[in-house]
């Protein structure tokens, strides 16, 4: 960690991470009952001899976690015959902001004095327990931790000064791509754990389902264990309303065992927390019926860097069953491929309803998400002005109309990043146009949608970049369209995708590829016709019933249940 000392960083008391124009630092303060739940979950309870343990709070803020920690440590000392004043190494709290750390120290002093400590001892302990330091770069020496508990800050790496983000990436290699810095908090927190130590964070769960979380997922599954995941997207867990998509994740330095999964909804509160806590501590106990959560135990967890799904325990059990029995949608054996439409980098130049003078063979009829809203292609009359030929960019000297159009917009086109990187190819679109795609039958799916919306283009159109497409050598695309219209397909995408505001899904290629499908020739002709008819009639219920049979689930659509505004209701296995 010696690299941190060589960085040209400002003094610790001066803020150096800005998450927005208003001077935000990713601070979201956690409600007391949620803090107590997390401390209970990792076993930081007064009944244990906490004086012999070390707990780390990596982003202590103004003391939301620290004060309950101090209370529990004091109570434990009283029952285990320890002197609290001698436990300078029992707590390690960090905060980047000097004023937050000072507020936390004063709160700790007040709490210790209230618990009977002298002011001198209280100030000494608070000074040792709370450090003004960047947790990710700190070199504070400490014993291996038994517990790491907290609420890491919500700050994107691109909002961090470059010299700091470079240091983060250098020290914590799981921080790849456009990661949030909480990824680094996970990696460092795990690195501090001694054998059997537990980490509990409440933070956004997007790292489980985003590309930037791949290295963290691989680290966790290869060297640590997932004990439990409690999804709390709609729970009132913070002191202010935020769109954070939080989950409480409990990780352990040990061998992977069964994983307890809780899917909490807006009705989940302190009373509900006590019910789920009793079950998490004693999984052999029967769960009381509750309107606030669903819970269950999985015998295995997901391995490697692949996306981790989310949902109720029944949803995860069903996904595991389907993934063990069926191949992915994208499959070389059936010639099935998932892709995305063309990104131009300058739609106002490349996409026109009228392109006077441009050669007709340079104009491709273009479909956008709005053109397929009815369930069928309804072309708006816009064209993609195509600079590509079969062997690369066309020679503009052979296309005077095309050359004139690009010349009129030269300044705009040359200012793009893609053009600056390749000055000789200044008139290229970001994506290369595939000349074979326009005439090929394909299923088109809009990127952002509450439910899967596959639409068949029998050929003749090129997709815009807000559309994903599926082509296949073996599938009857109307039959496949029936499967993709069904709630079974929504179940896969809903479990793996990152939810948008309003709980809409992202039907991106990486999530479409998670859909598992039967073999085309394993579906009876009668069932194929039912799927085909359901697709043609846009009948999601009929598509779901037929798809359930194709997957061998032996249930009707009413058992599968329609997707709600929050998540898909999982089938009963």
Protein backbone atom coordinates (compact mmCIF):
# COMPACT_ATOMS: atom_id res chain seq x y z
CA UNK A 1 0.00 0.00 0.00
CA UNK A 2 2.99 2.31 -0.10
CA UNK A 3 1.81 3.75 -3.45
CA UNK A 4 -0.80 5.80 -1.64
CA UNK A 5 1.84 8.00 -0.01
CA UNK A 6 3.23 9.05 -3.38
CA UNK A 7 -0.05 10.47 -4.64
CA UNK A 8 -0.54 14.25 -4.90
CA UNK A 9 -3.60 14.17 -2.68
CA UNK A 10 -5.02 17.08 -0.72
CA UNK A 11 -5.22 17.10 3.05
CA UNK A 12 -7.69 14.59 4.52
CA UNK A 13 -9.92 17.23 6.11
CA UNK A 14 -10.58 18.80 2.71
CA UNK A 15 -13.23 17.00 0.62
CA UNK A 16 -11.79 15.40 -2.49
CA UNK A 17 -14.58 13.22 -3.81
CA UNK A 18 -17.39 15.12 -5.45
CA UNK A 19 -20.37 13.11 -6.60
CA UNK A 20 -22.32 16.02 -8.05
CA UNK A 21 -22.45 19.74 -8.55
CA UNK A 22 -24.00 20.22 -5.13
CA UNK A 23 -20.99 18.83 -3.30
CA UNK A 24 -22.53 15.45 -2.52
CA UNK A 25 -20.30 12.68 -1.23
CA UNK A 26 -22.50 9.64 -1.61
CA UNK A 27 -23.75 9.96 1.96
CA UNK A 28 -26.95 8.05 2.68
CA UNK A 29 -27.65 7.54 6.39
CA UNK A 30 -29.13 4.25 7.56
CA UNK A 31 -32.10 3.89 9.91
CA UNK A 32 -31.34 2.54 13.39
CA UNK A 33 -33.44 -0.60 13.11
CA UNK A 34 -31.63 -1.55 9.87
CA UNK A 35 -28.26 -1.04 11.60
CA UNK A 36 -29.37 -3.28 14.47
CA UNK A 37 -30.54 -5.92 12.00
CA UNK A 38 -27.16 -5.95 10.25
CA UNK A 39 -25.18 -6.17 13.49
CA UNK A 40 -27.40 -9.03 14.61
CA UNK A 41 -26.94 -10.81 11.29
CA UNK A 42 -23.14 -10.87 11.51
CA UNK A 43 -23.18 -11.85 15.17
CA UNK A 44 -21.99 -8.58 16.71
CA UNK A 45 -24.25 -9.10 19.73
CA UNK A 46 -23.66 -8.36 23.44
CA UNK A 47 -23.92 -12.04 24.31
CA UNK A 48 -20.61 -12.59 22.51
CA UNK A 49 -17.28 -11.52 23.98
CA UNK A 50 -16.97 -8.49 21.72
CA UNK A 51 -13.98 -7.18 23.61
CA UNK A 52 -11.94 -9.98 22.06
CA UNK A 53 -13.11 -9.05 18.58
CA UNK A 54 -12.35 -6.32 16.02
CA UNK A 55 -15.05 -4.54 14.07
CA UNK A 56 -14.39 -2.17 11.16
CA UNK A 57 -16.78 0.55 10.02
CA UNK A 58 -15.38 1.76 6.68
CA UNK A 59 -17.49 4.88 6.17
CA UNK A 60 -18.78 5.93 9.56
CA UNK A 61 -20.36 9.25 8.59
CA UNK A 62 -21.85 10.79 11.69
CA UNK A 63 -22.10 7.59 13.67
CA UNK A 64 -25.21 5.71 12.50
CA UNK A 65 -23.36 2.40 12.92
CA UNK A 66 -20.73 3.50 15.44
CA UNK A 67 -23.09 4.37 18.28
CA UNK A 68 -24.95 1.03 18.25
CA UNK A 69 -21.54 -0.68 18.02
CA UNK A 70 -20.31 1.20 21.09
CA UNK A 71 -23.49 0.36 23.01
CA UNK A 72 -23.16 -3.34 22.22
CA UNK A 73 -19.46 -3.39 23.05
CA UNK A 74 -20.12 -1.74 26.42
CA UNK A 75 -22.89 -4.19 27.26
CA UNK A 76 -20.69 -7.12 26.28
CA UNK A 77 -17.83 -5.83 28.46
CA UNK A 78 -20.14 -5.60 31.44
CA UNK A 79 -21.22 -9.23 31.08
CA UNK A 80 -17.75 -10.60 30.25
CA UNK A 81 -15.74 -8.79 32.89
CA UNK A 82 -13.76 -6.54 30.54
CA UNK A 83 -12.82 -2.89 30.98
CA UNK A 84 -14.11 -0.86 28.06
CA UNK A 85 -11.40 1.74 28.58
CA UNK A 86 -8.75 -0.83 27.64
CA UNK A 87 -10.25 -1.74 24.25
CA UNK A 88 -8.62 0.83 21.99
CA UNK A 89 -8.25 -1.72 19.18
CA UNK A 90 -11.79 -3.10 19.27
CA UNK A 91 -13.26 -0.60 16.80
CA UNK A 92 -11.81 0.92 13.63
CA UNK A 93 -13.99 3.59 12.07
CA UNK A 94 -13.04 5.58 8.96
CA UNK A 95 -14.44 8.63 7.26
CA UNK A 96 -13.00 10.68 4.43
CA UNK A 97 -14.59 13.94 5.58
CA UNK A 98 -13.05 15.64 8.60
CA UNK A 99 -16.25 17.26 9.77
CA UNK A 100 -18.10 13.92 9.69
CA UNK A 101 -15.34 12.20 11.65
CA UNK A 102 -15.37 14.97 14.26
CA UNK A 103 -19.15 14.74 14.64
CA UNK A 104 -18.83 10.96 15.05
CA UNK A 105 -16.09 11.35 17.68
CA UNK A 106 -18.17 13.81 19.69
CA UNK A 107 -21.16 11.49 19.50
CA UNK A 108 -19.00 8.56 20.67
CA UNK A 109 -17.65 10.66 23.56
CA UNK A 110 -21.15 11.61 24.64
CA UNK A 111 -22.29 8.00 24.45
CA UNK A 112 -19.30 6.71 26.45
CA UNK A 113 -19.76 9.34 29.17
CA UNK A 114 -23.45 8.44 29.31
CA UNK A 115 -22.38 4.81 29.77
CA UNK A 116 -20.22 5.76 32.75
CA UNK A 117 -16.75 6.33 31.25
CA UNK A 118 -14.67 9.30 32.31
CA UNK A 119 -14.39 12.16 29.85
CA UNK A 120 -10.65 11.51 29.52
CA UNK A 121 -11.16 7.85 28.63
CA UNK A 122 -14.05 8.68 26.33
CA UNK A 123 -12.02 11.20 24.35
CA UNK A 124 -9.04 8.84 24.11
CA UNK A 125 -11.17 5.96 22.84
CA UNK A 126 -13.06 8.13 20.38
CA UNK A 127 -9.78 9.44 19.00
CA UNK A 128 -8.50 5.89 18.48
CA UNK A 129 -11.76 4.48 17.16
CA UNK A 130 -12.53 7.15 14.55
CA UNK A 131 -9.91 8.05 11.94
CA UNK A 132 -10.17 10.77 9.31
CA UNK A 133 -8.89 8.81 6.34
CA UNK A 134 -9.82 7.45 2.95
CA UNK A 135 -10.66 3.82 3.74
CA UNK A 136 -9.56 2.63 0.30
CA UNK A 137 -6.12 4.26 0.61
CA UNK A 138 -5.59 4.11 4.37
CA UNK A 139 -2.55 2.30 5.76
CA UNK A 140 -3.83 2.23 9.33
CA UNK A 141 -2.43 -0.96 10.91
CA UNK A 142 -5.00 -3.26 12.49
CA UNK A 143 -5.56 -6.82 13.53
CA UNK A 144 -7.55 -9.12 11.23
CA UNK A 145 -11.19 -8.10 11.49
CA UNK A 146 -13.94 -10.30 12.82
CA UNK A 147 -16.59 -7.97 11.42
CA UNK A 148 -16.76 -5.32 8.70
CA UNK A 149 -20.12 -3.56 8.77
CA UNK A 150 -21.43 -0.40 7.19
CA UNK A 151 -23.02 1.56 4.39
CA UNK A 152 -20.35 2.37 1.76
CA UNK A 153 -20.64 5.67 -0.12
CA UNK A 154 -22.49 5.85 -3.42
CA UNK A 155 -20.02 7.56 -5.77
CA UNK A 156 -19.20 6.68 -9.38
CA UNK A 157 -15.51 6.43 -10.21
CA UNK A 158 -15.83 8.99 -13.00
CA UNK A 159 -16.89 11.55 -10.36
CA UNK A 160 -13.60 11.06 -8.49
CA UNK A 161 -10.44 13.05 -9.32
CA UNK A 162 -8.35 11.04 -11.75
CA UNK A 163 -5.29 10.69 -9.51
CA UNK A 164 -7.51 9.27 -6.77
CA UNK A 165 -9.47 6.93 -9.03
CA UNK A 166 -6.20 5.69 -10.53
CA UNK A 167 -4.95 4.92 -7.03
CA UNK A 168 -8.18 3.10 -6.22
CA UNK A 169 -7.94 0.97 -9.36
CA UNK A 170 -4.27 0.22 -8.68
CA UNK A 171 -4.87 -0.95 -5.13
CA UNK A 172 -8.24 -2.66 -5.62
CA UNK A 173 -8.28 -4.38 -9.03
CA UNK A 174 -11.96 -5.38 -8.84
CA UNK A 175 -12.75 -1.72 -9.59
CA UNK A 176 -13.08 -2.05 -13.35
CA UNK A 177 -14.99 -0.04 -15.93
CA UNK A 178 -17.49 2.53 -14.68
CA UNK A 179 -17.70 1.02 -11.21
CA UNK A 180 -19.11 2.65 -8.11
CA UNK A 181 -16.45 2.99 -5.43
CA UNK A 182 -18.41 0.66 -3.15
CA UNK A 183 -16.87 -2.15 -5.25
CA UNK A 184 -13.51 -1.21 -3.74
CA UNK A 185 -15.10 -1.09 -0.29
CA UNK A 186 -16.19 -4.68 -0.76
CA UNK A 187 -12.73 -5.79 -1.87
CA UNK A 188 -10.85 -4.06 0.93
CA UNK A 189 -13.40 -5.05 3.54
CA UNK A 190 -13.07 -8.69 2.54
CA UNK A 191 -9.27 -8.44 2.58
CA UNK A 192 -9.40 -7.38 6.24
CA UNK A 193 -11.40 -10.39 7.41
CA UNK A 194 -9.73 -13.04 9.50
CA UNK A 195 -10.82 -16.70 9.22
CA UNK A 196 -14.57 -16.90 9.80
CA UNK A 197 -14.92 -13.12 9.74
CA UNK A 198 -18.10 -11.62 8.30
CA UNK A 199 -18.82 -8.55 6.20
CA UNK A 200 -22.25 -6.90 6.08
CA UNK A 201 -22.91 -3.97 3.75
CA UNK A 202 -26.11 -2.26 2.79
CA UNK A 203 -25.61 -0.73 -0.62
CA UNK A 204 -26.81 -0.91 -4.21
CA UNK A 205 -26.91 -4.47 -5.51
CA UNK A 206 -26.16 -3.45 -9.11
CA UNK A 207 -22.67 -4.95 -8.91
CA UNK A 208 -24.35 -8.36 -8.92
CA UNK A 209 -25.92 -7.66 -12.31
CA UNK A 210 -23.56 -5.22 -14.04
CA UNK A 211 -20.49 -5.75 -16.15
CA UNK A 212 -18.34 -3.71 -13.76
CA UNK A 213 -19.09 -6.14 -10.96
CA UNK A 214 -17.66 -9.18 -12.76
CA UNK A 215 -14.28 -9.17 -11.01
CA UNK A 216 -15.86 -8.68 -7.60
CA UNK A 217 -18.29 -11.54 -8.23
CA UNK A 218 -15.36 -13.75 -9.24
CA UNK A 219 -13.40 -12.76 -6.12
CA UNK A 220 -16.33 -13.49 -3.81
CA UNK A 221 -17.21 -16.85 -5.37
CA UNK A 222 -13.59 -18.05 -5.50
CA UNK A 223 -12.30 -16.98 -2.07
CA UNK A 224 -15.26 -16.18 0.18
CA UNK A 225 -18.78 -17.36 0.94
CA UNK A 226 -22.15 -15.70 0.50
CA UNK A 227 -24.17 -16.29 3.66
CA UNK A 228 -27.30 -14.29 2.88
CA UNK A 229 -28.70 -11.65 0.58
CA UNK A 230 -31.62 -9.47 1.59
CA UNK A 231 -32.98 -7.41 -1.31
CA UNK A 232 -34.60 -4.21 0.00
CA UNK A 233 -35.30 -2.09 -3.08
CA UNK A 234 -38.60 -0.71 -1.78
CA UNK A 235 -37.85 -0.76 1.94
CA UNK A 236 -37.70 2.52 3.88
CA UNK A 237 -34.17 1.77 5.06
CA UNK A 238 -32.59 5.24 5.00
CA UNK A 239 -33.15 8.54 6.74
CA UNK A 240 -34.05 10.16 3.43
CA UNK A 241 -35.72 8.86 0.29
CA UNK A 242 -33.18 7.66 -2.27
CA UNK A 243 -33.27 5.52 -5.42
CA UNK A 244 -30.43 3.28 -4.31
CA UNK A 245 -31.78 -0.25 -5.03
CA UNK A 246 -30.17 -1.49 -1.80
CA UNK A 247 -29.55 -4.97 -0.50
CA UNK A 248 -27.97 -6.23 2.69
CA UNK A 249 -25.25 -8.68 1.69
CA UNK A 250 -23.56 -10.91 4.26
CA UNK A 251 -20.23 -12.39 3.13
CA UNK A 252 -17.89 -14.64 5.10
CA UNK A 253 -14.23 -15.62 4.97
CA UNK A 254 -14.87 -19.33 4.71
CA UNK A 255 -16.26 -22.17 2.62
CA UNK A 256 -19.49 -21.64 0.72
CA UNK A 257 -22.55 -23.28 2.23
CA UNK A 258 -26.31 -22.83 1.84
CA UNK A 259 -27.43 -19.27 1.14
CA UNK A 260 -30.46 -17.67 2.72
CA UNK A 261 -32.27 -15.26 0.42
CA UNK A 262 -34.83 -12.66 1.47
CA UNK A 263 -36.84 -10.55 -0.96
CA UNK A 264 -38.34 -7.69 1.07
CA UNK A 265 -41.01 -5.29 -0.17
CA UNK A 266 -42.32 -1.89 0.91
CA UNK A 267 -44.17 -3.39 3.88
CA UNK A 268 -40.91 -4.62 5.44
CA UNK A 269 -40.26 -2.79 8.71
CA UNK A 270 -38.75 -3.32 12.16
CA UNK A 271 -41.35 -5.90 13.14
CA UNK A 272 -40.84 -7.82 9.92
CA UNK A 273 -37.08 -7.62 10.47
CA UNK A 274 -37.43 -9.49 13.78
CA UNK A 275 -39.29 -12.31 12.01
CA UNK A 276 -36.70 -12.72 9.29
CA UNK A 277 -33.84 -12.41 11.80
CA UNK A 278 -35.19 -15.32 13.82
CA UNK A 279 -35.34 -17.42 10.67
CA UNK A 280 -31.88 -16.39 9.45
CA UNK A 281 -30.40 -17.34 12.82
CA UNK A 282 -32.39 -20.58 12.93
CA UNK A 283 -33.23 -21.70 9.36
CA UNK A 284 -34.79 -24.88 10.68
CA UNK A 285 -37.57 -22.76 12.21
CA UNK A 286 -40.68 -22.36 10.08
CA UNK A 287 -41.15 -18.84 8.77
CA UNK A 288 -44.21 -16.97 9.97
CA UNK A 289 -46.40 -15.82 7.11
CA UNK A 290 -45.55 -12.26 6.26
CA UNK A 291 -46.70 -9.60 3.85
CA UNK A 292 -43.31 -7.91 4.02
CA UNK A 293 -40.97 -10.50 2.52
CA UNK A 294 -40.41 -13.87 0.91
CA UNK A 295 -37.56 -16.01 2.15
CA UNK A 296 -35.91 -19.32 1.39
CA UNK A 297 -32.66 -21.24 1.36
CA UNK A 298 -30.60 -22.14 -1.70
CA UNK A 299 -28.34 -25.16 -1.53
CA UNK A 300 -25.75 -23.55 -3.84
CA UNK A 301 -24.67 -20.11 -5.00
CA UNK A 302 -23.56 -18.78 -8.37
CA UNK A 303 -19.92 -19.14 -9.38
CA UNK A 304 -17.43 -17.09 -11.34
CA UNK A 305 -17.85 -13.65 -12.90
CA UNK A 306 -21.24 -14.34 -14.51
CA UNK A 307 -24.23 -12.22 -13.50
CA UNK A 308 -26.00 -13.08 -10.25
CA UNK A 309 -29.82 -13.11 -10.51
CA UNK A 310 -32.17 -11.44 -8.07
CA UNK A 311 -35.66 -12.32 -6.93
CA UNK A 312 -37.57 -14.37 -4.45
CA UNK A 313 -36.13 -17.71 -3.36
CA UNK A 314 -38.70 -19.50 -5.52
CA UNK A 315 -37.62 -17.46 -8.51
CA UNK A 316 -33.97 -18.34 -7.93
CA UNK A 317 -34.80 -22.01 -7.46
CA UNK A 318 -36.75 -22.03 -10.72
CA UNK A 319 -33.93 -20.28 -12.58
CA UNK A 320 -31.42 -22.80 -11.28
CA UNK A 321 -33.68 -25.63 -12.48
CA UNK A 322 -34.16 -24.14 -15.96
CA UNK A 323 -30.47 -23.31 -16.33
CA UNK A 324 -29.56 -26.90 -15.50
CA UNK A 325 -31.89 -28.28 -18.20
CA UNK A 326 -31.82 -25.87 -21.12
CA UNK A 327 -29.29 -24.14 -23.35
CA UNK A 328 -28.91 -20.36 -23.65
CA UNK A 329 -30.84 -18.43 -26.28
CA UNK A 330 -27.62 -17.49 -28.10
CA UNK A 331 -26.29 -20.83 -29.30
CA UNK A 332 -23.94 -21.70 -32.17
CA UNK A 333 -25.67 -25.08 -32.56
CA UNK A 334 -28.88 -23.37 -33.68
CA UNK A 335 -27.12 -20.41 -35.28
CA UNK A 336 -28.97 -18.11 -32.91
CA UNK A 337 -27.34 -14.77 -32.23
CA UNK A 338 -28.25 -11.67 -30.21
CA UNK A 339 -27.08 -8.24 -31.31
CA UNK A 340 -27.82 -4.53 -31.16
CA UNK A 341 -28.78 -2.06 -33.87
CA UNK A 342 -26.50 0.61 -35.26
CA UNK A 343 -25.15 3.46 -33.14
CA UNK A 344 -24.18 6.37 -35.39
CA UNK A 345 -22.70 8.90 -32.98
CA UNK A 346 -24.66 11.63 -34.80
CA UNK A 347 -28.24 10.60 -35.52
CA UNK A 348 -29.22 14.02 -36.87
CA UNK A 349 -26.76 13.54 -39.75
CA UNK A 350 -27.12 9.81 -40.41
CA UNK A 351 -30.87 9.37 -39.84
CA UNK A 352 -33.16 11.37 -42.10
CA UNK A 353 -36.68 11.09 -43.48
CA UNK A 354 -35.38 12.93 -46.53
CA UNK A 355 -31.83 12.82 -47.88
CA UNK A 356 -31.94 14.81 -51.08
CA UNK A 357 -29.21 13.92 -53.50
CA UNK A 358 -27.88 10.90 -51.55
CA UNK A 359 -27.68 7.79 -53.72
CA UNK A 360 -30.59 5.42 -53.12
CA UNK A 361 -28.35 2.42 -52.49
CA UNK A 362 -26.89 4.34 -49.53
CA UNK A 363 -30.33 4.61 -47.86
CA UNK A 364 -31.48 1.80 -45.55
CA UNK A 365 -35.02 1.87 -44.10
CA UNK A 366 -34.49 2.17 -40.34
CA UNK A 367 -36.69 0.90 -37.51
CA UNK A 368 -36.64 2.50 -34.06
CA UNK A 369 -38.34 1.45 -30.82
CA UNK A 370 -41.24 3.76 -31.64
CA UNK A 371 -41.78 2.01 -34.97
CA UNK A 372 -42.59 -1.34 -33.32
CA UNK A 373 -44.75 -0.12 -30.42
CA UNK A 374 -47.89 -1.71 -31.91
CA UNK A 375 -46.29 -5.16 -32.08
CA UNK A 376 -45.63 -4.92 -35.81
CA UNK A 377 -43.18 -2.88 -37.89
CA UNK A 378 -44.78 0.48 -38.62
CA UNK A 379 -42.03 2.31 -40.47
CA UNK A 380 -41.85 6.04 -39.82
CA UNK A 381 -40.15 6.71 -43.15
CA UNK A 382 -36.67 7.37 -41.74
CA UNK A 383 -33.54 6.11 -43.44
CA UNK A 384 -30.08 5.26 -42.24
CA UNK A 385 -27.56 7.01 -44.49
CA UNK A 386 -25.07 4.19 -44.81
CA UNK A 387 -21.35 4.89 -45.35
CA UNK A 388 -20.44 1.18 -45.32
CA UNK A 389 -19.98 -1.28 -48.14
CA UNK A 390 -19.21 -4.98 -48.05
CA UNK A 391 -15.49 -4.37 -47.59
CA UNK A 392 -15.54 -1.37 -45.27
CA UNK A 393 -16.26 2.33 -45.76
CA UNK A 394 -17.23 3.24 -49.30
CA UNK A 395 -15.03 5.53 -51.36
CA UNK A 396 -16.80 8.88 -51.33
CA UNK A 397 -15.46 9.70 -54.77
CA UNK A 398 -17.85 7.09 -56.15
CA UNK A 399 -20.83 8.60 -54.35
CA UNK A 400 -20.98 12.34 -54.99
CA UNK A 401 -24.40 12.73 -53.34
CA UNK A 402 -23.24 10.95 -50.20
CA UNK A 403 -19.99 12.92 -50.24
CA UNK A 404 -21.90 16.20 -50.50
CA UNK A 405 -24.16 15.31 -47.58
CA UNK A 406 -21.22 14.44 -45.34
CA UNK A 407 -19.28 17.53 -46.49
CA UNK A 408 -22.18 19.75 -45.43
CA UNK A 409 -21.96 18.20 -41.96
CA UNK A 410 -18.20 17.74 -41.88
CA UNK A 411 -17.54 19.87 -38.82
CA UNK A 412 -20.11 18.00 -36.75
CA UNK A 413 -18.92 14.59 -37.90
CA UNK A 414 -15.22 15.32 -37.40
CA UNK A 415 -15.79 16.55 -33.84
CA UNK A 416 -16.96 13.10 -32.69
CA UNK A 417 -14.65 10.99 -30.58
CA UNK A 418 -14.73 8.11 -33.07
CA UNK A 419 -13.66 10.47 -35.87
CA UNK A 420 -10.86 12.01 -33.84
CA UNK A 421 -9.49 8.55 -33.12
CA UNK A 422 -9.66 7.62 -36.82
CA UNK A 423 -9.34 10.86 -38.82
CA UNK A 424 -9.26 9.08 -42.18
CA UNK A 425 -12.57 7.39 -41.33
CA UNK A 426 -14.18 10.63 -40.16
CA UNK A 427 -17.52 9.86 -41.85
CA UNK A 428 -17.98 6.39 -40.28
CA UNK A 429 -20.79 5.51 -37.91
CA UNK A 430 -19.71 4.23 -34.50
CA UNK A 431 -20.93 0.73 -35.39
CA UNK A 432 -20.26 -0.96 -38.68
CA UNK A 433 -23.36 -1.74 -40.70
CA UNK A 434 -23.89 -5.44 -41.43
CA UNK A 435 -25.09 -5.60 -45.05
CA UNK A 436 -26.70 -9.03 -44.55
CA UNK A 437 -28.82 -7.98 -41.58
CA UNK A 438 -31.29 -5.77 -43.43
CA UNK A 439 -32.82 -8.57 -45.53
CA UNK A 440 -32.63 -11.21 -42.83
CA UNK A 441 -35.75 -12.05 -40.74
CA UNK A 442 -35.17 -11.01 -37.14
CA UNK A 443 -36.92 -10.49 -33.85
CA UNK A 444 -36.56 -6.95 -32.53
CA UNK A 445 -36.83 -6.00 -28.84
CA UNK A 446 -36.80 -2.46 -27.41
CA UNK A 447 -34.09 -1.79 -24.85
CA UNK A 448 -36.23 -0.34 -22.06
CA UNK A 449 -39.63 -1.90 -21.43
CA UNK A 450 -41.77 -3.10 -18.54
CA UNK A 451 -42.30 -6.43 -20.31
CA UNK A 452 -40.63 -8.27 -23.17
CA UNK A 453 -41.87 -6.94 -26.50
CA UNK A 454 -40.52 -9.06 -29.37
CA UNK A 455 -41.58 -7.96 -32.85
CA UNK A 456 -40.86 -9.78 -36.12
CA UNK A 457 -39.20 -7.93 -38.96
CA UNK A 458 -39.51 -10.37 -41.88
CA UNK A 459 -36.71 -8.47 -43.61
CA UNK A 460 -36.25 -5.11 -45.24
CA UNK A 461 -35.34 -2.93 -42.25
CA UNK A 462 -32.21 -2.11 -40.27
CA UNK A 463 -32.51 -1.70 -36.46
CA UNK A 464 -31.56 1.47 -34.58
CA UNK A 465 -29.35 1.18 -31.52
CA UNK A 466 -32.33 1.34 -29.14
CA UNK A 467 -33.37 -2.06 -30.50
CA UNK A 468 -31.79 -5.46 -29.88
CA UNK A 469 -32.26 -8.24 -32.42
CA UNK A 470 -32.30 -12.03 -32.50
CA UNK A 471 -31.52 -14.00 -35.67
CA UNK A 472 -31.41 -17.78 -36.02
CA UNK A 473 -30.68 -20.50 -38.55
CA UNK A 474 -32.89 -23.14 -36.91
CA UNK A 475 -35.72 -21.37 -35.07
CA UNK A 476 -39.06 -20.48 -36.59
CA UNK A 477 -38.90 -16.89 -35.35
CA UNK A 478 -42.62 -16.71 -34.62
CA UNK A 479 -42.32 -19.74 -32.36
CA UNK A 480 -39.30 -18.23 -30.66
CA UNK A 481 -41.17 -14.94 -30.50
CA UNK A 482 -43.93 -16.69 -28.53
CA UNK A 483 -41.36 -17.91 -26.00
CA UNK A 484 -39.78 -14.45 -25.73
CA UNK A 485 -43.22 -12.88 -25.28
CA UNK A 486 -43.98 -15.18 -22.35
CA UNK A 487 -43.53 -14.57 -18.64
CA UNK A 488 -40.81 -17.25 -18.66
CA UNK A 489 -38.57 -14.95 -20.72
CA UNK A 490 -39.51 -12.02 -18.49
CA UNK A 491 -38.55 -14.12 -15.49
CA UNK A 492 -34.98 -14.48 -16.78
CA UNK A 493 -34.52 -10.86 -17.80
CA UNK A 494 -36.19 -9.55 -14.65
CA UNK A 495 -33.88 -11.63 -12.47
CA UNK A 496 -30.66 -10.62 -14.18
CA UNK A 497 -31.16 -7.09 -15.45
CA UNK A 498 -30.55 -3.80 -13.69
CA UNK A 499 -33.95 -2.24 -12.99
CA UNK A 500 -34.58 1.29 -14.17
CA UNK A 501 -36.70 3.96 -12.50
CA UNK A 502 -40.33 2.90 -12.59
CA UNK A 503 -39.16 -0.74 -12.39
CA UNK A 504 -38.79 -1.09 -16.13
CA UNK A 505 -36.35 -3.71 -17.40
CA UNK A 506 -33.32 -3.42 -19.65
CA UNK A 507 -33.63 -5.93 -22.48
CA UNK A 508 -29.97 -5.66 -23.40
CA UNK A 509 -27.98 -8.37 -25.13
CA UNK A 510 -26.21 -9.49 -21.95
CA UNK A 511 -29.59 -10.15 -20.29
CA UNK A 512 -31.27 -11.67 -23.34
CA UNK A 513 -28.38 -14.13 -23.51
CA UNK A 514 -29.32 -15.34 -20.00
CA UNK A 515 -32.66 -16.65 -21.29
CA UNK A 516 -32.69 -20.43 -21.56
CA UNK A 517 -34.79 -22.06 -24.29
CA UNK A 518 -35.81 -25.60 -25.31
CA UNK A 519 -34.34 -27.16 -28.43
CA UNK A 520 -36.40 -26.06 -31.45
CA UNK A 521 -36.97 -29.66 -32.60
CA UNK A 522 -38.03 -30.73 -29.09
CA UNK A 523 -41.23 -28.67 -29.25
CA UNK A 524 -44.20 -30.56 -30.70
CA UNK A 525 -45.88 -29.19 -33.84
CA UNK A 526 -49.08 -28.51 -31.89
CA UNK A 527 -47.19 -26.55 -29.24
CA UNK A 528 -45.24 -24.70 -31.91
CA UNK A 529 -48.52 -23.59 -33.48
CA UNK A 530 -49.84 -22.39 -30.11
CA UNK A 531 -46.68 -20.33 -29.54
CA UNK A 532 -46.88 -18.99 -33.10
CA UNK A 533 -50.52 -17.98 -32.68
CA UNK A 534 -49.88 -16.37 -29.31
CA UNK A 535 -47.07 -14.33 -30.82
CA UNK A 536 -49.17 -13.22 -33.79
CA UNK A 537 -52.05 -12.22 -31.52
CA UNK A 538 -49.77 -10.60 -28.89
CA UNK A 539 -51.43 -12.83 -26.30
CA UNK A 540 -48.93 -12.95 -23.42
CA UNK A 541 -51.12 -15.23 -21.31
CA UNK A 542 -51.43 -17.84 -24.06
CA UNK A 543 -47.70 -17.52 -24.81
CA UNK A 544 -46.90 -18.11 -21.14
CA UNK A 545 -49.12 -21.18 -20.92
CA UNK A 546 -47.60 -22.70 -24.03
CA UNK A 547 -44.05 -21.80 -22.99
CA UNK A 548 -44.56 -23.40 -19.59
CA UNK A 549 -45.42 -26.66 -21.34
CA UNK A 550 -42.42 -26.33 -23.64
CA UNK A 551 -40.18 -26.01 -20.59
CA UNK A 552 -41.87 -28.99 -18.94
CA UNK A 553 -43.19 -26.94 -16.06
CA UNK A 554 -46.64 -28.48 -16.37
CA UNK A 555 -48.62 -25.50 -15.28
CA UNK A 556 -50.89 -22.90 -16.75
CA UNK A 557 -50.19 -19.23 -17.07
CA UNK A 558 -52.22 -18.50 -13.95
CA UNK A 559 -49.73 -20.48 -11.88
CA UNK A 560 -46.78 -18.69 -13.40
CA UNK A 561 -48.34 -15.36 -12.55
CA UNK A 562 -47.99 -12.05 -14.37
CA UNK A 563 -45.00 -9.83 -13.73
CA UNK A 564 -45.84 -7.08 -11.29
CA UNK A 565 -44.57 -3.53 -11.29
CA UNK A 566 -41.87 -4.62 -8.85
CA UNK A 567 -40.71 -8.04 -9.88
CA UNK A 568 -41.93 -11.21 -11.50
CA UNK A 569 -44.00 -13.49 -9.37
CA UNK A 570 -42.16 -16.77 -9.44
CA UNK A 571 -43.78 -20.07 -10.39
CA UNK A 572 -44.40 -22.75 -7.80
CA UNK A 573 -42.06 -25.62 -8.49
